[in-house]
Structures are given as C-alpha cells and as structure tokens.
Protein backbone atom coordinates (compact mmCIF):
# COMPACT_ATOMS: atom_id res chain seq x y z
CA MET A 1 0.00 0.00 0.00
CA ARG A 2 1.41 3.38 -0.99
CA THR A 3 1.01 6.08 1.65
CA TYR A 4 1.42 9.83 1.84
CA GLU A 5 1.58 12.61 4.39
CA VAL A 6 0.65 16.27 3.88
CA ARG A 7 1.32 18.88 6.55
CA THR A 8 -0.21 22.36 6.72
CA TYR A 9 1.88 25.49 7.32
CA GLY A 10 1.08 29.16 7.76
CA CYS A 11 -2.36 30.70 8.01
CA GLN A 12 -5.75 28.97 7.84
CA MET A 13 -5.94 29.61 4.09
CA ASN A 14 -3.24 27.00 3.59
CA VAL A 15 -5.56 24.29 4.91
CA HIS A 16 -7.40 24.47 1.59
CA ASP A 17 -4.10 24.06 -0.27
CA SER A 18 -3.25 20.99 1.77
CA GLU A 19 -6.65 19.45 1.09
CA ARG A 20 -6.10 19.95 -2.61
CA LEU A 21 -2.74 18.15 -2.43
CA ARG A 22 -4.35 15.28 -0.53
CA GLY A 23 -6.92 14.98 -3.27
CA LEU A 24 -4.23 14.87 -5.94
CA LEU A 25 -2.34 12.14 -4.10
CA GLU A 26 -5.43 10.06 -3.44
CA ASP A 27 -6.45 10.36 -7.08
CA ALA A 28 -3.01 8.88 -7.88
CA GLY A 29 -3.75 5.87 -5.67
CA TYR A 30 -2.11 6.89 -2.40
CA VAL A 31 -3.65 6.59 1.07
CA ARG A 32 -2.96 8.76 4.07
CA ALA A 33 -0.08 7.59 6.30
CA PRO A 34 -0.53 7.10 10.07
CA GLU A 35 0.30 9.99 12.38
CA GLY A 36 3.94 10.35 13.39
CA ASP A 37 7.35 11.31 12.09
CA GLN A 38 7.14 10.36 8.41
CA ALA A 39 9.96 12.37 6.82
CA ASP A 40 10.62 9.69 4.21
CA VAL A 41 6.95 9.57 3.29
CA VAL A 42 6.91 13.35 2.99
CA VAL A 43 9.81 13.29 0.56
CA GLU A 44 8.29 10.48 -1.50
CA SER A 45 5.01 12.38 -1.65
CA LEU A 46 6.77 15.53 -2.79
CA LEU A 47 8.65 13.66 -5.49
CA LEU A 48 5.39 12.15 -6.73
CA LEU A 49 3.58 15.48 -6.75
CA ASN A 50 6.38 17.26 -8.59
CA HIS A 51 6.47 14.47 -11.15
CA GLU A 52 2.70 14.46 -11.69
CA PHE A 53 2.12 18.22 -11.40
CA PRO A 54 5.48 19.93 -12.14
CA ASP A 55 3.99 23.38 -12.79
CA ASP A 56 1.26 23.47 -10.16
CA SER A 57 1.84 26.56 -8.01
CA LYS A 58 0.36 24.93 -4.91
CA VAL A 59 2.64 21.91 -5.27
CA LEU A 60 5.67 24.16 -5.72
CA TYR A 61 4.76 26.27 -2.70
CA ILE A 62 4.19 23.34 -0.37
CA THR A 63 7.34 21.64 -1.67
CA SER A 64 9.43 24.67 -0.73
CA ARG A 65 7.96 24.73 2.77
CA TYR A 66 8.44 21.00 3.37
CA TYR A 67 12.01 20.92 2.15
CA SER A 68 12.77 23.93 4.31
CA GLU A 69 11.45 22.08 7.36
CA LEU A 70 13.39 18.92 6.51
CA ALA A 71 16.57 20.94 5.95
CA ASN A 72 16.20 22.67 9.31
CA ARG A 73 15.58 19.35 11.02
CA ALA A 74 18.67 17.78 9.42
CA ALA A 75 20.79 20.81 10.37
CA ARG A 76 19.72 20.59 14.01
CA LYS A 77 20.46 16.87 14.06
CA LEU A 78 23.89 17.44 12.51
CA THR A 79 24.90 20.00 15.13
CA VAL A 80 23.76 17.69 17.94
CA LYS A 81 25.14 14.38 16.65
CA ALA A 82 28.42 15.60 15.11
CA PRO A 83 29.13 19.16 16.31
CA SER A 84 32.88 18.95 15.62
CA SER A 85 32.56 17.52 12.11
CA ALA A 86 33.65 19.53 9.10
CA GLU A 87 30.08 19.58 7.85
CA ALA A 88 28.70 21.02 11.09
CA GLN A 89 31.42 23.67 11.14
CA VAL A 90 30.69 24.62 7.52
CA LEU A 91 27.01 24.90 8.38
CA MET A 92 27.85 27.41 11.11
CA ALA A 93 30.12 29.39 8.78
CA GLU A 94 27.39 29.48 6.13
CA ALA A 95 24.94 30.79 8.74
CA TYR A 96 27.30 33.69 9.55
CA GLN A 97 27.71 34.35 5.84
CA ALA A 98 23.96 34.34 5.22
CA ARG A 99 23.46 36.89 8.00
CA GLY A 100 26.08 39.16 6.48
CA ASP A 101 28.57 38.63 9.30
CA LEU A 102 31.46 38.18 6.90
CA GLU A 103 34.18 38.61 9.52
CA SER A 104 32.85 35.77 11.65
CA ALA A 105 32.27 33.64 8.56
CA THR A 106 35.84 34.21 7.38
CA ALA A 107 37.28 33.33 10.77
CA LYS A 108 35.19 30.17 10.92
CA TYR A 109 36.19 29.07 7.41
CA ARG A 110 39.86 29.66 8.27
CA ARG A 111 39.55 27.51 11.38
CA ILE A 112 37.90 24.77 9.32
CA LEU A 113 40.86 24.76 6.93
CA GLU A 114 43.26 24.44 9.84
CA GLN A 115 41.50 21.26 10.95
CA TYR A 116 40.21 20.02 7.61
CA PRO A 117 42.51 21.43 4.88
CA LYS A 118 40.90 19.30 2.15
CA GLN A 119 37.30 20.23 2.89
CA PRO A 120 35.59 21.07 -0.44
CA GLY A 121 33.82 24.38 -0.82
CA VAL A 122 35.65 26.34 1.87
CA HIS A 123 38.16 28.11 -0.37
CA TYR A 124 35.35 28.90 -2.80
CA GLN A 125 33.29 30.58 -0.06
CA LEU A 126 36.33 32.54 1.11
CA GLY A 127 36.81 33.79 -2.45
CA GLN A 128 33.20 34.92 -2.58
CA ILE A 129 33.51 36.71 0.76
CA ILE A 130 36.65 38.52 -0.41
CA LEU A 131 34.81 39.82 -3.48
CA ALA A 132 31.77 40.77 -1.40
CA LYS A 133 33.93 42.84 0.94
CA ILE A 134 36.31 44.30 -1.65
CA PRO A 135 35.10 43.80 -5.24
CA THR A 136 38.49 44.90 -6.60
CA ALA A 137 40.44 42.28 -4.60
CA SER A 138 40.42 39.96 -7.59
CA GLU A 139 43.94 38.61 -7.12
CA GLU A 140 43.28 37.48 -3.55
CA ALA A 141 39.97 35.94 -4.59
CA ARG A 142 41.61 34.22 -7.56
CA ARG A 143 44.06 32.48 -5.22
CA GLU A 144 41.16 31.10 -3.19
CA PHE A 145 39.36 29.79 -6.28
CA GLU A 146 42.56 28.18 -7.52
CA ALA A 147 43.04 26.61 -4.08
CA GLU A 148 39.49 25.27 -4.34
CA LEU A 149 40.36 23.52 -7.59
CA GLU A 150 43.38 21.93 -5.94
CA VAL A 151 41.08 20.46 -3.30
CA ASN A 152 38.15 19.81 -5.64
CA PRO A 153 39.26 19.72 -9.30
CA THR A 154 35.68 19.14 -10.48
CA SER A 155 34.20 22.35 -9.05
CA PRO A 156 32.28 24.12 -11.84
CA ALA A 157 31.64 27.09 -9.55
CA ALA A 158 35.35 27.71 -8.99
CA GLU A 159 36.05 27.37 -12.72
CA TYR A 160 33.28 29.84 -13.48
CA MET A 161 34.57 32.39 -10.99
CA LEU A 162 38.10 32.15 -12.39
CA GLY A 163 36.64 32.76 -15.84
CA ASP A 164 34.63 35.69 -14.55
CA LEU A 165 37.67 37.27 -12.90
CA ALA A 166 39.70 36.83 -16.08
CA TRP A 167 36.88 38.40 -18.11
CA ARG A 168 36.70 41.39 -15.74
CA ALA A 169 40.44 41.83 -16.26
CA MET A 170 39.78 41.86 -20.04
CA LYS A 171 41.64 38.57 -20.51
CA SER A 172 39.23 36.78 -22.81
CA ASP A 173 41.72 34.13 -23.88
CA GLU A 174 42.23 33.21 -20.23
CA ALA A 175 38.52 33.33 -19.41
CA ILE A 176 37.38 31.03 -22.22
CA PRO A 177 39.04 27.79 -20.95
CA HIS A 178 37.61 28.33 -17.46
CA PHE A 179 34.09 28.99 -18.73
CA SER A 180 34.35 26.03 -21.09
CA ARG A 181 35.54 23.74 -18.30
CA ALA A 182 32.64 24.87 -16.09
CA THR A 183 30.13 23.93 -18.81
CA GLU A 184 31.74 20.51 -19.13
CA LEU A 185 31.63 19.87 -15.39
CA ASP A 186 27.95 20.76 -15.03
CA VAL A 187 25.83 21.15 -18.16
CA SER A 188 22.86 22.38 -16.09
CA LEU A 189 24.59 25.58 -14.94
CA ALA A 190 23.49 28.51 -17.06
CA GLN A 191 25.95 31.31 -16.23
CA PRO A 192 29.08 29.63 -17.62
CA TYR A 193 27.40 29.39 -21.03
CA LEU A 194 26.70 33.12 -20.99
CA GLY A 195 30.23 33.93 -19.88
CA LEU A 196 31.63 31.66 -22.56
CA GLY A 197 29.44 33.19 -25.25
CA VAL A 198 30.35 36.75 -24.30
CA ALA A 199 34.08 35.94 -24.22
CA LEU A 200 33.91 34.14 -27.58
CA ASN A 201 32.10 37.10 -29.12
CA ALA A 202 34.87 39.35 -27.84
CA VAL A 203 37.54 37.33 -29.65
CA VAL A 204 35.50 37.13 -32.87
CA ARG A 205 34.68 33.40 -32.56
CA PHE A 206 31.04 33.98 -33.36
CA ALA A 207 30.00 30.50 -34.47
CA GLU A 208 31.26 29.01 -31.20
CA ALA A 209 29.61 31.84 -29.28
CA ILE A 210 26.26 31.06 -30.87
CA ASP A 211 26.45 27.44 -29.74
CA ALA A 212 27.16 28.43 -26.13
CA LEU A 213 24.56 31.21 -26.07
CA LYS A 214 21.82 28.99 -27.51
CA LYS A 215 22.38 26.65 -24.56
CA TYR A 216 22.20 29.60 -22.19
CA VAL A 217 18.84 30.86 -23.46
CA ARG A 218 17.42 27.35 -23.29
CA LEU A 219 18.36 27.23 -19.62
CA THR A 220 17.47 30.87 -18.83
CA PRO A 221 14.87 32.03 -21.36
CA ALA A 222 13.80 35.01 -19.24
CA ASP A 223 17.20 36.76 -19.35
CA PRO A 224 17.50 39.33 -22.16
CA ALA A 225 21.32 39.15 -22.05
CA GLY A 226 21.47 35.86 -23.91
CA TYR A 227 19.36 37.14 -26.81
CA TYR A 228 21.40 40.35 -26.94
CA GLN A 229 24.65 38.44 -27.30
CA LEU A 230 23.09 36.10 -29.86
CA ALA A 231 21.94 39.12 -31.88
CA ILE A 232 25.52 40.39 -31.91
CA ALA A 233 26.93 37.04 -33.00
CA TYR A 234 24.39 36.48 -35.77
CA SER A 235 24.84 40.02 -37.02
CA ARG A 236 28.62 39.59 -37.23
CA ILE A 237 28.35 36.40 -39.31
CA GLY A 238 25.94 38.13 -41.69
CA ASN A 239 22.68 36.47 -40.63
CA LYS A 240 20.67 39.67 -40.32
CA GLN A 241 17.30 37.92 -40.19
CA GLU A 242 18.23 35.78 -37.20
CA ALA A 243 19.91 38.77 -35.56
CA GLU A 244 16.65 40.70 -35.79
CA ARG A 245 14.73 37.76 -34.38
CA GLN A 246 17.06 37.58 -31.40
CA ARG A 247 16.74 41.33 -30.92
CA THR A 248 12.94 40.93 -30.81
CA LEU A 249 13.26 38.15 -28.24
CA GLN A 250 15.53 40.39 -26.20
CA LEU A 251 12.99 43.22 -26.19
CA ASP A 252 10.16 40.81 -25.30
CA ALA A 253 12.18 39.45 -22.37
CA GLU A 254 12.96 42.98 -21.16
CA GLU A 255 9.28 43.91 -21.32
CA LYS A 256 8.29 40.84 -19.31
CA LEU A 257 10.86 41.69 -16.67
CA LYS A 258 9.48 45.22 -16.42
CA LEU A 259 5.91 43.93 -16.08
CA GLY A 260 6.96 41.43 -13.45
CA SER A 261 8.75 44.10 -11.46
CA ALA A 262 5.81 46.48 -11.67
CA SER A 263 3.32 43.83 -10.54
CA THR A 264 5.24 43.22 -7.28
CA GLN A 265 5.60 46.88 -6.31
CA GLY A 266 3.03 47.96 -3.78
CA ALA A 267 1.58 44.49 -3.44
CA PRO A 268 0.11 43.76 0.02
CA GLN A 269 2.24 41.49 2.16
CA PRO A 270 0.77 38.30 3.67
CA HIS A 271 0.13 38.22 7.43
C-alpha cells in the first residue's frame, strides 16, 4: 500500500491548499499515512507530486515549505550528533555568511581549513567573501578559487569564478578555458554558457559563441542578455534575419521583466 503525508503550514488559508494536495495524491492511488514522524513519506510524496504536477503553483509552494522544514531538522540533528565535524562547522560558517557577518564567517572558514585542509567548498566561499567585501580584490579571490580547484578539481563554480575574474580583467583568452571547463563539469549551470558566449564574441569566434549562447537561453529564457549576445553574433556572421529575431526576443524578455517588477511593487504582504 502506498502512503502519503501532507502537513499544513502558515495561516488557515493553507488548509485548503493541503486538502487539494491530498486529493491529488489520493487520485493517484495513495492513502494517508498514520500519524507520526514520516519524513521519508513526505519526501516520496513531494517527489510524486512534482512528477505528476510539475507546474502546479500549490505543489511548488508546499514543496518549498516542506524541504525547508526537513533541511532545518537535518541541520539541528547534525549540530547535535556531530558538532565537531567539518560539515557542522561549515554549516555554522554558512549561517554567519547568510546573515552578512562576513568577519565571523571568514574566521570560521579559516579555522575549518586548519582542521580540515581538504574540505571542499571552503576556499570557494572565502573567495566569494573577499569579493563581497572588496570587489576589486580579484587577485586574492583568484588564489582562493585556484586553491578550491586543488582540493576539488571538479568544481564548476570555482572554474566559473576564475573565468569571470579573467573576463573582468579583459583577458578573454584566459577566461574562455575556465568557462568552457565549467560547462563541461555541469551542463545544467546557465551562467558559464553566458560567460563563454560573451568571451567568444569578444575574440570574434562567433559560431562558437552562438552554440554556447543557444544553450544559455534554453536554460534561462527570461534573461535578455542571452538574446542580446546572440543578436551580436548572428549580425557579425551576416545572418541579419536571425539577428533581428534575437533582438525581438531580447525586447520581449525585457518587457516581461518590467511587467513582473511592476506587478510586485506595492503588493500587500501576507500576514
């Protein structure tokens, strides 16, 4: 027998949302699970709902709330069961970082490296903090991202940041291999494709730029930047018709962004 569990969060209006989700699950052949701690059932139910109704706003909302609860529960358990572990220490550093306490976060990350010098992700976060504090401190940040790759050679985020720093320094030939490597390490990351396309456009490698930028707009269709760069590339290879089409897509995306921004301004906040 397949079971499910749905929990209700927030105000009384969410009870209706939960009842709708129960109906969807029961229509799919599931029955309600007994009362108790059913975290695994919750996750299985969420996976089913997102498979059956991937674009349902209620499903997406409840999914975000449930995963948030499960994440908080796991974090509390980690700090109780293994407080001195590298993972627990990183969790604390990330909490400082999220609150904007960059000095405490930096100190915590440095202490982690003293005890766990091969812990993945720590050098990357230090590089990000350096840039957040001093955007022009690119050389210091670059050393942290390079150190991250020594610890974790398959980090697409570190490769991307090295490409971005090279691009900011107007070193397109240096940026391209980093962006390219990032796309190879994780094909689902959008930003490296944009960085690669922009850098390739800059060095007049338009056909290669088009390939990278087409992948970017497939992953991030709402961003006008991809269409803008595609319009440049198509124009430079003489395909004026496609350049105009990309320009139209760019303007449409910009208009949608403006409408979306306007619709959220002045909107009443939930209580």
